[in-house]
Amino acid sequence: MPTTTNNLYYPKGYALTVGINDFTKWDNTGDIDLKECLNDVDYWNGELKYRGYDFIYKLKDSDATLDRIICGIWCMAQHAIAGDVVFISFSTHGESKKGYNYLYTYNKSEIFSENILRFLLKAFKPFVRVFVVTDACQSGSFLSPYESNNRIIPVETNLIEKAIQNLLPTHLPNVKKLISAQATTPIAASIVQLAVINDTLNVPDGNLTQKLKDAFYWSYSFNAEQLRDRIDQYYDADFYQDKLNFIPYISSNYHKDPSLKKYLDDKAKFNDQTVSEFLKSLTKSNIIFDDLHHRIKSNIGDFNKDTELEKTFKKVFGNWKTRKDLAWFYNPVINFLGQKSKAFGEQYIFKKYDSSYYYENKNKV
C-alpha cells in the first residue's frame, strides 16, 4: 500500500492549547494570577472540535511546563504532513525584552521564547499550515517575519534537548540533527500568527478570546487580516462605550471637587457650552477626553474622603485607559512567515480544508 505523501484533499487538524491562571511559582502573593486563561483553553477545545480538528492537546496550569510545550509542538511537527493544519494557542503572561519576546510557563525558571518556537517551526514539513495565537501581553512580534529562516539560536538548544530527553528520548537524534542543520534549514511550513497586542502594551486578561467569540458568533468568513480588523473594530466600540459609561460619574460629581468644577466650567465656557453639553461632546473628542482623564487623575486625592467614590473613579479610569490604548494603537497584530501562500493568507482562518490551498499546491507536493 503506497505511503500517503499529503493530506491536501482530506487534511487532518492538530492543536495544542496552553493556558495558565496559577502563577504561584512566580509570585506566591497571587498578584499576577490570571482568571480567563483556562477558559480560553476550554473555548478553543470546543471551537476546534466543531471545526473538525482530529487531535487536540490541552495544557493547563501545572501541565503547562516548558518540556511539555516543546514536546507537544514537536510531536505535531512529526505527524503533520502536506495539507494538514496545526493550531497553537498561548494564554499566559508575556513580555518583550531587548528585542525578544517571551511567554511564561507554569514554572518561573522555564520561559518559552520566540527562539524556541522558531526552531520548532523548522521541524514542520512543507505545505503544512500553522496558526499561532498569542493571547498574552507584549507578544506582537513573537513571530515577526524578520530573520524567519536561517536563524541560529544557540542559547536555548540545551532546553530543547532537555525537554525531548525527558519526555521523548527516542526523538533526540532527530532533534540533534535539526539543531546541527538549523542555519541551513528554512521554515518550510506556512505560518500565521494572530497576536492580541503589540510589543509595547499590556492587555486585559481574556480579551482576545472574548473578541474572537464575538466575531465568530456572527460569521466564520474571515481570513486572518479581516479577523484582525474586526477585532480592532471591537476595541474601538469598547472604548466608545467606556466613554459613555464614564460621563455619568463625572456629571454626578461635578460639584464635589473644586478643581474638577473649575476645569469643566473653563472648558465649557471656552467652547461656549453648558457643562452638560460639554460632557456629551466628549464622546466625539478623544483629545479633550484624554485631557479630562489626566486632570481628574491628578486630583483623585481630593476624593479620598469618599472611599467608594475613589474606587469607582479608579476602576473607570483603569478600564478607559486600557481601552484607549487598545483603540489608539493598531491592534491586534498579524504576522506571516515561512512558505508564502496566497491561498493560505486568504483562506478562512482556522479552517481545516480550503479548496484554494488545495488547487494552489496539488501539483507541488
Foldseek 3Di string as FASTA:
>chain_A
DDDDQACQPPAAEEEEEEFEQDQCLPPVVSPFGFDCRVVLLVVVVVVLVVLPHDYYHYQYQPSFAQLNVLVSLLVCQVPGHAQYEYEYEYQAEKADDPHWIWGDTNHPVGIDTLVSVLLSLLSHYANYEYEYEYAYAQCQVSPAAPPSALDQDVPCLVVSLVSCCVPPVVCNVVSVVSNVCRNVRHRRYKYKYAYFAHRPGGAHRPLVVVLVVVVVVVHLQDFRVRSWVSSLVVLVVQLLVLLVVLLVLCVVCCPVDPQSVVVLVVVCVVVVHDSVVVSVCVSVPPVVVVVSLVSCVVVLVSCVVPVVSSVVSVVSSVSNVNSCVSNVDRDDHMHIYHDDDPQNRNGRPPNSHDVSSCVVCVVPD
